[in-house]
Amino acid sequence: MEVTMAKLQHRTPPRILQLKITLMDSEPAIWRRVLVADQITLYQLHQVIQIIMGWTNSHLHLFDIDDKLYSLPEFGLDDWGEPVANERRTRLFAFDWKSQKRFRYDYDFGDNWRHEVVVEKLSQIEEGVRYPKCIGGERACPPEDVGGISGYGDFLQAIGDPMDEEHESTLMWVGGAFNPEFFSRDDANAKLWKTFRK
């Protein structure tokens, strides 16, 4: 789906989407809440999700919105048998968020990190507020390449039990320390604003 500049210019004023992004099957839930303008592209939303969740953008990703797939053409995902639209050419205002309240964002098809994205609220831009803006979240993002949800469970077991035979090697692998309860909204916003300076 392509959104022309003419459509972009006529889509005023922009709306703000409040999104809640939850890592599916995480228990307790790993989630973030963020405000984004509906004029950003899905590719820019991908960047937002990577930053606020804590991923490192090291793997392929895909959006599934209303049973249509969106990603980057260079990934070659069309080879899977389903058409995949270019996320760089698809802006958030192209969707009817009053009826389409949920969609999915998948990252790392090996570890299979699936995120449910819920559109919680539509509002107007507030003067003086910088967007995108993370306004909430809980718990740390799992380490990259940990092996998905089940692998993350094994990882937490190993680092939490000094008697576990994998304890020391797992701590070394993760860099010496890992707090599964830690999330810093301030750090997330600093990275967002560095990336989206304009």
N, C-alpha and C. Protein backbone atom coordinates (compact mmCIF):
# COMPACT_ATOMS: atom_id res chain seq x y z
N MET A 1 0.85 -1.18 0.00
CA MET A 1 0.00 0.00 0.00
C MET A 1 0.88 1.24 0.00
N GLU A 2 0.68 2.16 -0.94
CA GLU A 2 1.47 3.37 -1.02
C GLU A 2 0.65 4.56 -0.57
N VAL A 3 1.25 5.43 0.21
CA VAL A 3 0.61 6.66 0.62
C VAL A 3 1.38 7.80 -0.02
N THR A 4 0.75 8.53 -0.92
CA THR A 4 1.43 9.58 -1.65
C THR A 4 1.64 10.81 -0.78
N MET A 5 2.54 11.71 -1.22
CA MET A 5 2.78 12.93 -0.48
C MET A 5 1.52 13.79 -0.44
N ALA A 6 0.72 13.73 -1.52
CA ALA A 6 -0.51 14.51 -1.54
C ALA A 6 -1.44 14.06 -0.42
N LYS A 7 -1.55 12.75 -0.24
CA LYS A 7 -2.38 12.24 0.85
C LYS A 7 -1.80 12.66 2.19
N LEU A 8 -0.47 12.62 2.29
CA LEU A 8 0.18 12.99 3.54
C LEU A 8 -0.11 14.45 3.87
N GLN A 9 -0.03 15.33 2.87
CA GLN A 9 -0.23 16.75 3.11
C GLN A 9 -1.67 17.06 3.47
N HIS A 10 -2.61 16.27 2.96
CA HIS A 10 -4.01 16.53 3.24
C HIS A 10 -4.48 15.87 4.54
N ARG A 11 -3.62 15.06 5.15
CA ARG A 11 -4.01 14.37 6.38
C ARG A 11 -3.60 15.24 7.57
N THR A 12 -4.40 16.29 7.83
CA THR A 12 -4.08 17.19 8.94
C THR A 12 -5.33 17.40 9.78
N PRO A 13 -5.19 17.71 11.06
CA PRO A 13 -3.92 17.60 11.79
C PRO A 13 -3.62 16.14 12.10
N PRO A 14 -2.36 15.80 12.35
CA PRO A 14 -2.05 14.41 12.70
C PRO A 14 -2.66 14.03 14.04
N ARG A 15 -2.96 12.75 14.17
CA ARG A 15 -3.46 12.22 15.44
C ARG A 15 -2.34 11.48 16.16
N ILE A 16 -2.52 11.33 17.45
CA ILE A 16 -1.58 10.57 18.26
C ILE A 16 -2.23 9.24 18.63
N LEU A 17 -1.51 8.16 18.40
CA LEU A 17 -1.96 6.83 18.80
C LEU A 17 -1.27 6.44 20.09
N GLN A 18 -2.04 6.02 21.08
CA GLN A 18 -1.47 5.42 22.28
C GLN A 18 -1.47 3.92 22.09
N LEU A 19 -0.28 3.33 22.07
CA LEU A 19 -0.13 1.90 21.80
C LEU A 19 0.41 1.19 23.03
N LYS A 20 -0.16 0.02 23.30
CA LYS A 20 0.42 -0.86 24.31
C LYS A 20 0.98 -2.07 23.59
N ILE A 21 2.27 -2.32 23.80
CA ILE A 21 2.98 -3.39 23.11
C ILE A 21 3.37 -4.43 24.15
N THR A 22 2.88 -5.65 23.98
CA THR A 22 3.13 -6.71 24.95
C THR A 22 3.81 -7.88 24.27
N LEU A 23 4.88 -8.36 24.86
CA LEU A 23 5.55 -9.55 24.35
C LEU A 23 4.67 -10.76 24.65
N MET A 24 4.14 -11.37 23.60
CA MET A 24 3.16 -12.43 23.77
C MET A 24 3.77 -13.63 24.49
N ASP A 25 2.95 -14.23 25.36
CA ASP A 25 3.31 -15.42 26.14
C ASP A 25 4.30 -15.13 27.26
N SER A 26 4.67 -13.87 27.47
CA SER A 26 5.56 -13.55 28.60
C SER A 26 4.73 -13.54 29.89
N GLU A 27 5.28 -14.16 30.93
CA GLU A 27 4.57 -14.26 32.21
C GLU A 27 5.57 -14.19 33.35
N PRO A 28 5.56 -13.11 34.14
CA PRO A 28 4.67 -11.96 34.04
C PRO A 28 4.93 -11.14 32.78
N ALA A 29 3.96 -10.33 32.41
CA ALA A 29 3.99 -9.66 31.12
C ALA A 29 5.14 -8.66 31.01
N ILE A 30 5.78 -8.67 29.84
CA ILE A 30 6.77 -7.66 29.47
C ILE A 30 6.07 -6.73 28.48
N TRP A 31 5.91 -5.46 28.86
CA TRP A 31 5.11 -4.56 28.02
C TRP A 31 5.65 -3.14 28.06
N ARG A 32 5.24 -2.36 27.02
CA ARG A 32 5.56 -0.95 26.93
C ARG A 32 4.32 -0.20 26.44
N ARG A 33 4.23 1.07 26.83
CA ARG A 33 3.16 1.94 26.33
C ARG A 33 3.83 3.16 25.72
N VAL A 34 3.38 3.54 24.50
CA VAL A 34 4.05 4.59 23.76
C VAL A 34 3.04 5.44 23.01
N LEU A 35 3.39 6.72 22.81
CA LEU A 35 2.59 7.64 22.01
C LEU A 35 3.34 7.91 20.71
N VAL A 36 2.64 7.73 19.57
CA VAL A 36 3.26 7.97 18.27
C VAL A 36 2.29 8.75 17.39
N ALA A 37 2.83 9.58 16.51
CA ALA A 37 2.00 10.30 15.54
C ALA A 37 1.60 9.36 14.41
N ASP A 38 0.37 9.53 13.92
CA ASP A 38 -0.08 8.60 12.87
C ASP A 38 0.52 8.91 11.51
N GLN A 39 1.39 9.91 11.40
CA GLN A 39 2.06 10.19 10.13
C GLN A 39 3.36 9.40 9.97
N ILE A 40 3.80 8.69 11.00
CA ILE A 40 5.02 7.90 10.83
C ILE A 40 4.71 6.64 10.02
N THR A 41 5.75 6.08 9.42
CA THR A 41 5.59 4.85 8.65
C THR A 41 5.68 3.64 9.57
N LEU A 42 5.29 2.50 9.02
CA LEU A 42 5.46 1.26 9.78
C LEU A 42 6.94 0.97 10.04
N TYR A 43 7.80 1.38 9.12
CA TYR A 43 9.23 1.19 9.36
C TYR A 43 9.68 2.01 10.57
N GLN A 44 9.18 3.23 10.69
CA GLN A 44 9.51 4.04 11.85
C GLN A 44 8.91 3.45 13.13
N LEU A 45 7.71 2.88 13.02
CA LEU A 45 7.13 2.20 14.18
C LEU A 45 7.99 1.01 14.58
N HIS A 46 8.51 0.29 13.60
CA HIS A 46 9.45 -0.80 13.90
C HIS A 46 10.63 -0.28 14.71
N GLN A 47 11.18 0.87 14.31
CA GLN A 47 12.29 1.46 15.05
C GLN A 47 11.88 1.79 16.48
N VAL A 48 10.69 2.35 16.64
CA VAL A 48 10.18 2.69 17.98
C VAL A 48 10.09 1.44 18.84
N ILE A 49 9.50 0.38 18.30
CA ILE A 49 9.33 -0.85 19.07
C ILE A 49 10.68 -1.44 19.47
N GLN A 50 11.62 -1.45 18.53
CA GLN A 50 12.95 -1.96 18.85
C GLN A 50 13.57 -1.21 20.03
N ILE A 51 13.45 0.11 20.01
CA ILE A 51 14.07 0.93 21.04
C ILE A 51 13.39 0.73 22.39
N ILE A 52 12.08 0.85 22.43
CA ILE A 52 11.42 0.82 23.75
C ILE A 52 11.37 -0.58 24.34
N MET A 53 11.32 -1.61 23.50
CA MET A 53 11.35 -2.96 24.04
C MET A 53 12.76 -3.31 24.54
N GLY A 54 13.77 -2.84 23.80
CA GLY A 54 15.15 -3.16 24.18
C GLY A 54 15.83 -4.12 23.23
N TRP A 55 15.22 -4.37 22.06
CA TRP A 55 15.85 -5.22 21.06
C TRP A 55 16.99 -4.46 20.37
N THR A 56 17.80 -5.19 19.59
CA THR A 56 18.97 -4.58 18.95
C THR A 56 18.86 -4.54 17.43
N ASN A 57 17.68 -4.81 16.88
CA ASN A 57 17.47 -4.76 15.43
C ASN A 57 18.45 -5.65 14.68
N SER A 58 18.65 -6.85 15.19
CA SER A 58 19.63 -7.78 14.63
C SER A 58 18.99 -8.88 13.77
N HIS A 59 17.65 -8.87 13.65
CA HIS A 59 16.96 -9.95 12.95
C HIS A 59 15.84 -9.39 12.09
N LEU A 60 15.25 -10.27 11.30
CA LEU A 60 14.13 -9.87 10.45
C LEU A 60 12.89 -9.57 11.30
N HIS A 61 11.96 -8.83 10.71
CA HIS A 61 10.72 -8.51 11.42
C HIS A 61 9.58 -8.42 10.42
N LEU A 62 8.36 -8.37 10.96
CA LEU A 62 7.16 -8.40 10.12
C LEU A 62 5.99 -7.85 10.90
N PHE A 63 5.16 -7.04 10.23
CA PHE A 63 3.89 -6.62 10.80
C PHE A 63 2.76 -7.43 10.17
N ASP A 64 1.79 -7.82 10.96
CA ASP A 64 0.57 -8.49 10.47
C ASP A 64 -0.61 -7.64 10.94
N ILE A 65 -1.18 -6.87 10.00
CA ILE A 65 -2.26 -5.96 10.32
C ILE A 65 -3.47 -6.30 9.46
N ASP A 66 -4.56 -6.68 10.11
CA ASP A 66 -5.79 -7.03 9.39
C ASP A 66 -5.52 -8.09 8.32
N ASP A 67 -4.74 -9.09 8.69
CA ASP A 67 -4.40 -10.22 7.82
C ASP A 67 -3.58 -9.83 6.59
N LYS A 68 -2.93 -8.67 6.64
CA LYS A 68 -2.02 -8.26 5.57
C LYS A 68 -0.63 -8.09 6.19
N LEU A 69 0.40 -8.48 5.42
CA LEU A 69 1.76 -8.48 5.92
C LEU A 69 2.54 -7.28 5.40
N TYR A 70 3.38 -6.73 6.26
CA TYR A 70 4.21 -5.57 5.92
C TYR A 70 5.61 -5.80 6.46
N SER A 71 6.61 -5.52 5.62
CA SER A 71 8.00 -5.65 6.05
C SER A 71 8.87 -4.87 5.08
N LEU A 72 10.16 -5.18 5.04
CA LEU A 72 11.08 -4.53 4.12
C LEU A 72 11.32 -5.40 2.90
N PRO A 73 11.27 -4.83 1.70
CA PRO A 73 11.43 -5.65 0.48
C PRO A 73 12.74 -6.42 0.46
N GLU A 74 13.81 -5.84 1.03
CA GLU A 74 15.11 -6.51 0.97
C GLU A 74 15.15 -7.81 1.76
N PHE A 75 14.17 -8.04 2.63
CA PHE A 75 14.12 -9.30 3.37
C PHE A 75 13.69 -10.48 2.48
N GLY A 76 13.03 -10.19 1.35
CA GLY A 76 12.59 -11.26 0.45
C GLY A 76 11.50 -12.14 1.02
N LEU A 77 10.65 -11.61 1.89
CA LEU A 77 9.62 -12.43 2.53
C LEU A 77 8.51 -12.83 1.57
N ASP A 78 8.43 -12.19 0.40
CA ASP A 78 7.45 -12.61 -0.62
C ASP A 78 7.68 -14.06 -1.02
N ASP A 79 8.91 -14.52 -0.85
CA ASP A 79 9.23 -15.90 -1.21
C ASP A 79 8.49 -16.91 -0.36
N TRP A 80 7.91 -16.45 0.77
CA TRP A 80 7.16 -17.35 1.63
C TRP A 80 5.82 -17.73 1.03
N GLY A 81 5.40 -17.03 -0.03
CA GLY A 81 4.15 -17.38 -0.69
C GLY A 81 3.02 -16.38 -0.50
N GLU A 82 3.20 -15.41 0.42
CA GLU A 82 2.19 -14.39 0.62
C GLU A 82 2.77 -13.03 0.24
N PRO A 83 1.95 -12.16 -0.38
CA PRO A 83 2.47 -10.82 -0.70
C PRO A 83 2.78 -10.04 0.57
N VAL A 84 3.89 -9.32 0.53
CA VAL A 84 4.32 -8.52 1.68
C VAL A 84 4.49 -7.08 1.20
N ALA A 85 3.72 -6.15 1.77
CA ALA A 85 3.78 -4.75 1.39
C ALA A 85 5.00 -4.08 2.01
N ASN A 86 5.43 -2.99 1.39
CA ASN A 86 6.61 -2.25 1.84
C ASN A 86 6.25 -1.36 3.02
N GLU A 87 6.81 -1.64 4.18
CA GLU A 87 6.48 -0.88 5.38
C GLU A 87 7.00 0.56 5.33
N ARG A 88 8.01 0.80 4.49
CA ARG A 88 8.51 2.18 4.36
C ARG A 88 7.50 3.08 3.65
N ARG A 89 6.60 2.48 2.89
CA ARG A 89 5.63 3.27 2.12
C ARG A 89 4.23 3.25 2.75
N THR A 90 4.15 2.76 3.96
CA THR A 90 2.85 2.61 4.62
C THR A 90 2.84 3.40 5.92
N ARG A 91 1.99 4.42 5.96
CA ARG A 91 1.91 5.27 7.15
C ARG A 91 0.75 4.83 8.04
N LEU A 92 0.84 5.14 9.30
CA LEU A 92 -0.16 4.67 10.25
C LEU A 92 -1.55 5.21 9.95
N PHE A 93 -1.63 6.42 9.36
CA PHE A 93 -2.96 6.95 9.10
C PHE A 93 -3.68 6.24 7.95
N ALA A 94 -2.98 5.29 7.29
CA ALA A 94 -3.62 4.52 6.23
C ALA A 94 -4.62 3.50 6.76
N PHE A 95 -4.61 3.28 8.08
CA PHE A 95 -5.48 2.27 8.68
C PHE A 95 -6.61 2.92 9.47
N ASP A 96 -7.72 2.20 9.57
CA ASP A 96 -8.86 2.66 10.36
C ASP A 96 -8.69 2.15 11.78
N TRP A 97 -8.07 2.93 12.62
CA TRP A 97 -7.76 2.48 13.97
C TRP A 97 -8.98 2.46 14.88
N LYS A 98 -10.10 3.00 14.41
CA LYS A 98 -11.32 2.91 15.21
C LYS A 98 -11.91 1.50 15.16
N SER A 99 -11.65 0.79 14.07
CA SER A 99 -12.15 -0.58 13.96
C SER A 99 -11.03 -1.61 14.09
N GLN A 100 -9.82 -1.26 13.66
CA GLN A 100 -8.67 -2.16 13.74
C GLN A 100 -7.87 -1.82 14.98
N LYS A 101 -8.18 -2.48 16.08
CA LYS A 101 -7.60 -2.12 17.38
C LYS A 101 -6.36 -2.92 17.76
N ARG A 102 -6.12 -4.03 17.09
CA ARG A 102 -5.00 -4.89 17.46
C ARG A 102 -4.27 -5.35 16.21
N PHE A 103 -2.96 -5.47 16.33
CA PHE A 103 -2.18 -6.10 15.27
C PHE A 103 -0.95 -6.73 15.90
N ARG A 104 -0.15 -7.39 15.06
CA ARG A 104 0.98 -8.13 15.59
C ARG A 104 2.28 -7.66 14.94
N TYR A 105 3.31 -7.66 15.74
CA TYR A 105 4.66 -7.35 15.27
C TYR A 105 5.56 -8.52 15.65
N ASP A 106 6.15 -9.17 14.67
CA ASP A 106 7.02 -10.32 14.90
C ASP A 106 8.47 -9.93 14.68
N TYR A 107 9.33 -10.41 15.55
CA TYR A 107 10.76 -10.11 15.45
C TYR A 107 11.57 -11.37 15.72
N ASP A 108 12.55 -11.60 14.88
CA ASP A 108 13.45 -12.76 15.00
C ASP A 108 12.65 -14.04 14.81
N PHE A 109 12.57 -14.50 13.58
CA PHE A 109 11.73 -15.65 13.27
C PHE A 109 12.30 -16.96 13.82
N GLY A 110 13.54 -16.94 14.29
CA GLY A 110 14.10 -18.11 14.96
C GLY A 110 13.62 -18.21 16.40
N ASP A 111 13.84 -17.12 17.16
CA ASP A 111 13.35 -17.09 18.54
C ASP A 111 11.84 -16.84 18.60
N ASN A 112 11.31 -16.28 17.51
CA ASN A 112 9.85 -16.11 17.37
C ASN A 112 9.25 -15.21 18.46
N TRP A 113 9.80 -13.99 18.55
CA TRP A 113 9.25 -13.02 19.48
C TRP A 113 8.04 -12.35 18.84
N ARG A 114 6.87 -12.62 19.37
CA ARG A 114 5.64 -12.04 18.85
C ARG A 114 5.12 -10.99 19.83
N HIS A 115 4.75 -9.86 19.29
CA HIS A 115 4.26 -8.75 20.11
C HIS A 115 2.82 -8.43 19.71
N GLU A 116 1.95 -8.33 20.69
CA GLU A 116 0.61 -7.83 20.43
C GLU A 116 0.63 -6.32 20.62
N VAL A 117 0.15 -5.60 19.62
CA VAL A 117 0.09 -4.14 19.68
C VAL A 117 -1.38 -3.74 19.73
N VAL A 118 -1.76 -3.05 20.80
CA VAL A 118 -3.15 -2.63 20.99
C VAL A 118 -3.22 -1.11 20.87
N VAL A 119 -4.12 -0.63 20.02
CA VAL A 119 -4.38 0.80 19.92
C VAL A 119 -5.37 1.16 21.02
N GLU A 120 -4.84 1.78 22.08
CA GLU A 120 -5.67 2.06 23.25
C GLU A 120 -6.46 3.35 23.12
N LYS A 121 -5.89 4.32 22.40
CA LYS A 121 -6.54 5.63 22.37
C LYS A 121 -6.05 6.45 21.18
N LEU A 122 -6.92 7.27 20.62
CA LEU A 122 -6.58 8.25 19.60
C LEU A 122 -6.78 9.63 20.20
N SER A 123 -5.82 10.53 19.99
CA SER A 123 -5.95 11.87 20.55
C SER A 123 -5.25 12.87 19.64
N GLN A 124 -5.32 14.14 20.02
CA GLN A 124 -4.66 15.20 19.27
C GLN A 124 -3.26 15.45 19.85
N ILE A 125 -2.40 16.01 19.02
CA ILE A 125 -1.06 16.37 19.48
C ILE A 125 -1.15 17.42 20.57
N GLU A 126 -0.34 17.25 21.61
CA GLU A 126 -0.26 18.24 22.68
C GLU A 126 0.94 19.15 22.45
N GLU A 127 0.71 20.43 22.56
CA GLU A 127 1.78 21.40 22.37
C GLU A 127 2.88 21.16 23.40
N GLY A 128 4.11 21.15 22.91
CA GLY A 128 5.25 21.00 23.80
C GLY A 128 5.66 19.58 24.12
N VAL A 129 4.90 18.59 23.63
CA VAL A 129 5.23 17.18 23.88
C VAL A 129 6.05 16.65 22.70
N ARG A 130 7.13 15.93 23.00
CA ARG A 130 7.95 15.33 21.96
C ARG A 130 7.46 13.91 21.67
N TYR A 131 7.28 13.63 20.39
CA TYR A 131 6.84 12.31 19.97
C TYR A 131 7.90 11.70 19.05
N PRO A 132 8.03 10.38 19.08
CA PRO A 132 7.33 9.40 19.92
C PRO A 132 7.78 9.53 21.38
N LYS A 133 6.92 9.05 22.28
CA LYS A 133 7.19 9.15 23.71
C LYS A 133 6.73 7.89 24.42
N CYS A 134 7.64 7.26 25.14
CA CYS A 134 7.29 6.11 25.97
C CYS A 134 6.71 6.62 27.28
N ILE A 135 5.53 6.14 27.64
CA ILE A 135 4.89 6.62 28.87
C ILE A 135 4.73 5.53 29.92
N GLY A 136 5.21 4.33 29.63
CA GLY A 136 5.12 3.27 30.63
C GLY A 136 5.71 1.97 30.14
N GLY A 137 5.92 1.07 31.08
CA GLY A 137 6.43 -0.24 30.73
C GLY A 137 6.85 -1.01 31.97
N GLU A 138 6.97 -2.30 31.82
CA GLU A 138 7.41 -3.14 32.93
C GLU A 138 8.29 -4.27 32.42
N ARG A 139 9.35 -4.50 33.15
CA ARG A 139 10.26 -5.63 33.00
C ARG A 139 11.20 -5.49 31.81
N ALA A 140 12.33 -6.14 31.97
CA ALA A 140 13.39 -6.06 30.97
C ALA A 140 13.05 -6.87 29.73
N CYS A 141 13.62 -6.45 28.63
CA CYS A 141 13.55 -7.22 27.40
C CYS A 141 14.46 -8.44 27.53
N PRO A 142 14.05 -9.61 27.06
CA PRO A 142 14.96 -10.76 27.08
C PRO A 142 16.20 -10.49 26.24
N PRO A 143 17.31 -11.14 26.54
CA PRO A 143 18.51 -10.98 25.71
C PRO A 143 18.27 -11.53 24.31
N GLU A 144 18.93 -10.93 23.33
CA GLU A 144 18.86 -11.45 21.97
C GLU A 144 19.41 -12.89 21.94
N ASP A 145 18.80 -13.71 21.08
CA ASP A 145 19.27 -15.07 20.81
C ASP A 145 19.23 -15.99 22.03
N VAL A 146 18.32 -15.69 22.97
CA VAL A 146 18.22 -16.51 24.17
C VAL A 146 17.41 -17.78 23.92
N GLY A 147 16.68 -17.84 22.80
CA GLY A 147 15.93 -19.05 22.47
C GLY A 147 14.43 -18.93 22.64
N GLY A 148 13.91 -17.72 22.50
CA GLY A 148 12.46 -17.54 22.61
C GLY A 148 11.99 -17.57 24.05
N ILE A 149 10.66 -17.63 24.21
CA ILE A 149 10.07 -17.60 25.55
C ILE A 149 10.57 -18.75 26.42
N SER A 150 10.61 -19.96 25.86
CA SER A 150 11.06 -21.10 26.67
C SER A 150 12.54 -20.97 27.02
N GLY A 151 13.35 -20.51 26.08
CA GLY A 151 14.76 -20.30 26.34
C GLY A 151 14.99 -19.22 27.38
N TYR A 152 14.12 -18.20 27.36
CA TYR A 152 14.23 -17.14 28.36
C TYR A 152 13.93 -17.67 29.75
N GLY A 153 12.97 -18.57 29.84
CA GLY A 153 12.67 -19.20 31.12
C GLY A 153 13.86 -19.98 31.65
N ASP A 154 14.51 -20.73 30.77
CA ASP A 154 15.71 -21.48 31.17
C ASP A 154 16.83 -20.52 31.59
N PHE A 155 16.95 -19.43 30.86
CA PHE A 155 17.96 -18.42 31.16
C PHE A 155 17.75 -17.84 32.56
N LEU A 156 16.51 -17.47 32.87
CA LEU A 156 16.21 -16.90 34.19
C LEU A 156 16.48 -17.91 35.31
N GLN A 157 16.16 -19.17 35.04
CA GLN A 157 16.42 -20.22 36.02
C GLN A 157 17.91 -20.33 36.29
N ALA A 158 18.70 -20.28 35.22
CA ALA A 158 20.15 -20.45 35.37
C ALA A 158 20.79 -19.29 36.11
N ILE A 159 20.40 -18.06 35.77
CA ILE A 159 21.06 -16.92 36.43
C ILE A 159 20.55 -16.72 37.86
N GLY A 160 19.35 -17.25 38.15
CA GLY A 160 18.77 -17.06 39.47
C GLY A 160 19.18 -18.11 40.49
N ASP A 161 19.83 -19.16 40.05
CA ASP A 161 20.19 -20.26 40.95
C ASP A 161 21.71 -20.49 40.90
N PRO A 162 22.43 -20.02 41.92
CA PRO A 162 23.89 -20.20 41.92
C PRO A 162 24.32 -21.66 41.86
N MET A 163 23.42 -22.58 42.22
CA MET A 163 23.76 -24.00 42.18
C MET A 163 23.53 -24.61 40.80
N ASP A 164 22.88 -23.87 39.91
CA ASP A 164 22.64 -24.38 38.55
C ASP A 164 23.98 -24.52 37.83
N GLU A 165 24.17 -25.64 37.15
CA GLU A 165 25.46 -25.89 36.48
C GLU A 165 25.73 -24.89 35.35
N GLU A 166 24.68 -24.23 34.87
CA GLU A 166 24.84 -23.24 33.80
C GLU A 166 24.93 -21.82 34.35
N HIS A 167 24.92 -21.67 35.67
CA HIS A 167 24.82 -20.34 36.27
C HIS A 167 25.96 -19.40 35.82
N GLU A 168 27.19 -19.80 36.04
CA GLU A 168 28.31 -18.91 35.75
C GLU A 168 28.47 -18.66 34.26
N SER A 169 28.33 -19.70 33.45
CA SER A 169 28.50 -19.51 32.01
C SER A 169 27.39 -18.64 31.43
N THR A 170 26.18 -18.75 31.99
CA THR A 170 25.07 -17.93 31.50
C THR A 170 25.27 -16.47 31.88
N LEU A 171 25.74 -16.22 33.10
CA LEU A 171 26.03 -14.85 33.52
C LEU A 171 27.13 -14.25 32.65
N MET A 172 28.15 -15.03 32.32
CA MET A 172 29.21 -14.54 31.45
C MET A 172 28.65 -14.22 30.07
N TRP A 173 27.77 -15.06 29.57
CA TRP A 173 27.18 -14.85 28.24
C TRP A 173 26.38 -13.56 28.17
N VAL A 174 25.70 -13.22 29.27
CA VAL A 174 24.85 -12.02 29.27
C VAL A 174 25.62 -10.77 29.71
N GLY A 175 26.88 -10.93 30.02
CA GLY A 175 27.69 -9.77 30.37
C GLY A 175 27.87 -9.54 31.85
N GLY A 176 27.52 -10.52 32.68
CA GLY A 176 27.80 -10.44 34.10
C GLY A 176 26.63 -10.16 35.00
N ALA A 177 25.57 -9.54 34.49
CA ALA A 177 24.41 -9.23 35.33
C ALA A 177 23.18 -9.03 34.46
N PHE A 178 22.03 -9.37 35.01
CA PHE A 178 20.77 -9.16 34.30
C PHE A 178 19.66 -9.09 35.34
N ASN A 179 18.88 -7.99 35.30
CA ASN A 179 17.76 -7.81 36.21
C ASN A 179 16.47 -7.88 35.40
N PRO A 180 15.73 -8.99 35.48
CA PRO A 180 14.52 -9.14 34.65
C PRO A 180 13.42 -8.14 34.99
N GLU A 181 13.51 -7.48 36.15
CA GLU A 181 12.47 -6.53 36.55
C GLU A 181 12.78 -5.10 36.13
N PHE A 182 13.97 -4.87 35.57
CA PHE A 182 14.39 -3.49 35.31
C PHE A 182 13.92 -2.99 33.97
N PHE A 183 13.28 -1.81 33.97
CA PHE A 183 12.99 -1.06 32.74
C PHE A 183 13.06 0.42 33.06
N SER A 184 13.76 1.17 32.24
CA SER A 184 13.89 2.61 32.44
C SER A 184 13.18 3.36 31.33
N ARG A 185 12.08 4.01 31.67
CA ARG A 185 11.36 4.83 30.70
C ARG A 185 12.22 6.01 30.24
N ASP A 186 13.00 6.58 31.16
CA ASP A 186 13.87 7.70 30.79
C ASP A 186 14.90 7.29 29.76
N ASP A 187 15.51 6.12 29.96
CA ASP A 187 16.49 5.63 28.98
C ASP A 187 15.84 5.40 27.62
N ALA A 188 14.63 4.82 27.64
CA ALA A 188 13.92 4.56 26.39
C ALA A 188 13.64 5.86 25.65
N ASN A 189 13.18 6.88 26.38
CA ASN A 189 12.88 8.15 25.73
C ASN A 189 14.13 8.85 25.23
N ALA A 190 15.22 8.76 25.95
CA ALA A 190 16.47 9.37 25.48
C ALA A 190 16.89 8.75 24.15
N LYS A 191 16.74 7.44 24.01
CA LYS A 191 17.10 6.77 22.76
C LYS A 191 16.11 7.11 21.66
N LEU A 192 14.82 7.22 22.00
CA LEU A 192 13.82 7.61 21.00
C LEU A 192 14.13 8.99 20.46
N TRP A 193 14.39 9.92 21.33
CA TRP A 193 14.57 11.31 20.91
C TRP A 193 15.89 11.50 20.17
N LYS A 194 16.86 10.67 20.46
CA LYS A 194 18.12 10.72 19.70
C LYS A 194 17.88 10.22 18.28
N THR A 195 17.03 9.19 18.14
CA THR A 195 16.75 8.62 16.83
C THR A 195 15.81 9.49 16.02
N PHE A 196 14.82 10.09 16.69
CA PHE A 196 13.80 10.87 16.00
C PHE A 196 13.95 12.35 16.34
N ARG A 197 15.11 12.89 16.08
CA ARG A 197 15.39 14.28 16.43
C ARG A 197 14.48 15.26 15.70
N LYS A 198 14.08 14.92 14.49
CA LYS A 198 13.25 15.82 13.69
C LYS A 198 11.77 15.64 13.99
